[in-house]
Amino acid sequence: MSDRHITTDDAWVPEACTLPTAERPLRLAEFDQFFTDAVRGLDRLSAQHLRLRLDGDAQVEEMARDLTARESSCCSFFTFGLSRSGPDSLSLDVRVPAAHVDVLDALAERAVSLRDQG
C-alpha cells in the first residue's frame, strides 16, 4: 500500500463520470460503507483488474449488484462482475481501461484503508 493520503472528496473522479457533482459525496459514502461492511480482502490481478473478496451474505450480494449497476450508469468505463465460487464465497471483479487505471488505484487504496479501519 502506498503512503498517499486517502481523500474524502471526489478529486480523483474523472471527467468521464456523469454523476452530478452534488450526488458524488453520497455515492462515495455508499462505497465507503460497502468497503467497510463487505470487503474481506482484495487482489490486484493486473493494473486494470481488481478483485474484491466479499462477505458471502445474500444482502451483500444484493447491495453489490445495486451499487455497481448505479455506478456503471454514470461511470461507463467501469466493468463489474459479481461471482460465487461457493455458498460463502463472493467476488466482485472491477475492470477499467488503461486510461482509467488511476481511478482503479484510488478505489483499491480506499477499499484497503476502510477495510483495515473496520
Protein backbone atom coordinates (compact mmCIF):
# COMPACT_ATOMS: atom_id res chain seq x y z
CA MET A 1 0.00 0.00 0.00
CA SER A 2 1.26 3.47 -0.75
CA ASP A 3 1.70 6.34 1.66
CA ARG A 4 -0.69 8.56 -0.27
CA HIS A 5 -3.48 10.12 1.76
CA ILE A 6 -6.99 8.78 1.20
CA THR A 7 -9.10 11.77 0.30
CA THR A 8 -12.67 12.24 1.38
CA ASP A 9 -13.55 14.31 -1.66
CA ASP A 10 -14.06 13.33 -5.27
CA ALA A 11 -10.86 14.92 -6.62
CA TRP A 12 -9.87 11.62 -8.26
CA VAL A 13 -13.20 11.26 -10.09
CA PRO A 14 -12.54 11.50 -13.85
CA GLU A 15 -14.39 13.81 -16.21
CA ALA A 16 -15.96 10.72 -17.80
CA CYS A 17 -18.15 10.35 -14.71
CA THR A 18 -21.62 11.74 -15.38
CA LEU A 19 -22.90 11.52 -11.80
CA PRO A 20 -23.98 15.05 -10.82
CA THR A 21 -21.38 16.70 -8.60
CA ALA A 22 -23.89 17.18 -5.77
CA GLU A 23 -24.54 13.41 -5.64
CA ARG A 24 -20.89 12.35 -5.57
CA PRO A 25 -20.38 12.63 -1.78
CA LEU A 26 -23.41 10.39 -1.25
CA ARG A 27 -22.11 7.75 -3.66
CA LEU A 28 -18.67 7.94 -2.09
CA ALA A 29 -20.27 7.38 1.33
CA GLU A 30 -22.12 4.35 -0.06
CA PHE A 31 -18.87 2.86 -1.36
CA ASP A 32 -17.15 3.63 1.94
CA GLN A 33 -19.88 1.77 3.84
CA PHE A 34 -19.71 -1.12 1.37
CA PHE A 35 -15.91 -1.37 1.70
CA THR A 36 -16.16 -1.28 5.50
CA ASP A 37 -19.01 -3.79 5.81
CA ALA A 38 -18.49 -6.21 2.93
CA VAL A 39 -14.86 -6.37 1.78
CA ARG A 40 -12.83 -9.17 3.34
CA GLY A 41 -9.81 -8.94 1.06
CA LEU A 42 -8.65 -7.82 -2.32
CA ASP A 43 -6.32 -8.90 -5.06
CA ARG A 44 -4.85 -6.68 -7.76
CA LEU A 45 -4.81 -9.11 -10.68
CA SER A 46 -3.42 -6.53 -13.11
CA ALA A 47 -3.16 -2.76 -13.43
CA GLN A 48 -6.65 -2.76 -14.93
CA HIS A 49 -8.26 -5.51 -12.82
CA LEU A 50 -9.12 -5.54 -9.12
CA ARG A 51 -10.90 -8.40 -7.35
CA LEU A 52 -12.69 -7.68 -4.09
CA ARG A 53 -13.36 -10.71 -1.90
CA LEU A 54 -16.67 -10.07 -0.16
CA ASP A 55 -18.69 -11.40 2.71
CA GLY A 56 -20.85 -14.11 1.12
CA ASP A 57 -24.13 -12.96 2.65
CA ALA A 58 -27.12 -12.60 0.30
CA GLN A 59 -27.63 -8.99 1.45
CA VAL A 60 -24.04 -8.18 0.46
CA GLU A 61 -24.67 -9.63 -2.98
CA GLU A 62 -27.83 -7.55 -3.36
CA MET A 63 -26.01 -4.41 -2.19
CA ALA A 64 -23.11 -5.07 -4.60
CA ARG A 65 -25.47 -5.58 -7.55
CA ASP A 66 -27.36 -2.38 -6.79
CA LEU A 67 -24.29 -0.23 -6.18
CA THR A 68 -22.38 -1.47 -9.23
CA ALA A 69 -25.42 -1.08 -11.51
CA ARG A 70 -25.82 2.54 -10.43
CA GLU A 71 -22.08 3.19 -10.76
CA SER A 72 -21.99 1.67 -14.25
CA SER A 73 -24.77 4.01 -15.35
CA CYS A 74 -22.71 7.13 -14.58
CA CYS A 75 -19.15 5.85 -14.99
CA SER A 76 -19.42 3.63 -18.04
CA PHE A 77 -15.67 2.95 -18.11
CA PHE A 78 -16.09 0.53 -15.17
CA THR A 79 -16.84 -3.12 -15.85
CA PHE A 80 -18.13 -5.02 -12.83
CA GLY A 81 -18.56 -8.77 -12.47
CA LEU A 82 -20.02 -10.48 -9.43
CA SER A 83 -19.48 -14.21 -8.99
CA ARG A 84 -19.77 -17.03 -6.45
CA SER A 85 -17.42 -19.97 -6.23
CA GLY A 86 -19.30 -21.36 -3.23
CA PRO A 87 -22.15 -20.52 -0.85
CA ASP A 88 -19.95 -18.28 1.33
CA SER A 89 -17.59 -17.04 -1.37
CA LEU A 90 -18.50 -13.89 -3.27
CA SER A 91 -16.14 -11.90 -5.51
CA LEU A 92 -16.52 -8.57 -7.24
CA ASP A 93 -14.24 -8.03 -10.22
CA VAL A 94 -13.67 -4.40 -11.19
CA ARG A 95 -12.03 -3.63 -14.52
CA VAL A 96 -11.15 -0.35 -16.21
CA PRO A 97 -9.49 0.61 -19.49
CA ALA A 98 -5.85 1.71 -19.36
CA ALA A 99 -6.87 5.38 -19.42
CA HIS A 100 -8.58 4.97 -16.03
CA VAL A 101 -6.03 2.92 -14.07
CA ASP A 102 -5.59 5.87 -11.70
CA VAL A 103 -9.28 5.62 -10.76
CA LEU A 104 -8.89 1.91 -10.02
CA ASP A 105 -5.77 2.69 -7.99
CA ALA A 106 -7.74 5.17 -5.87
CA LEU A 107 -10.64 2.73 -5.45
CA ALA A 108 -8.28 -0.06 -4.34
CA GLU A 109 -6.45 2.22 -1.93
CA ARG A 110 -9.73 3.39 -0.42
CA ALA A 111 -11.04 -0.18 -0.06
CA VAL A 112 -7.85 -1.30 1.71
CA SER A 113 -7.86 1.70 4.04
CA LEU A 114 -11.50 1.32 5.04
CA ARG A 115 -11.35 -2.46 5.37
CA ASP A 116 -8.33 -2.10 7.66
CA GLN A 117 -10.12 0.51 9.78
CA GLY A 118 -13.29 -1.58 10.05
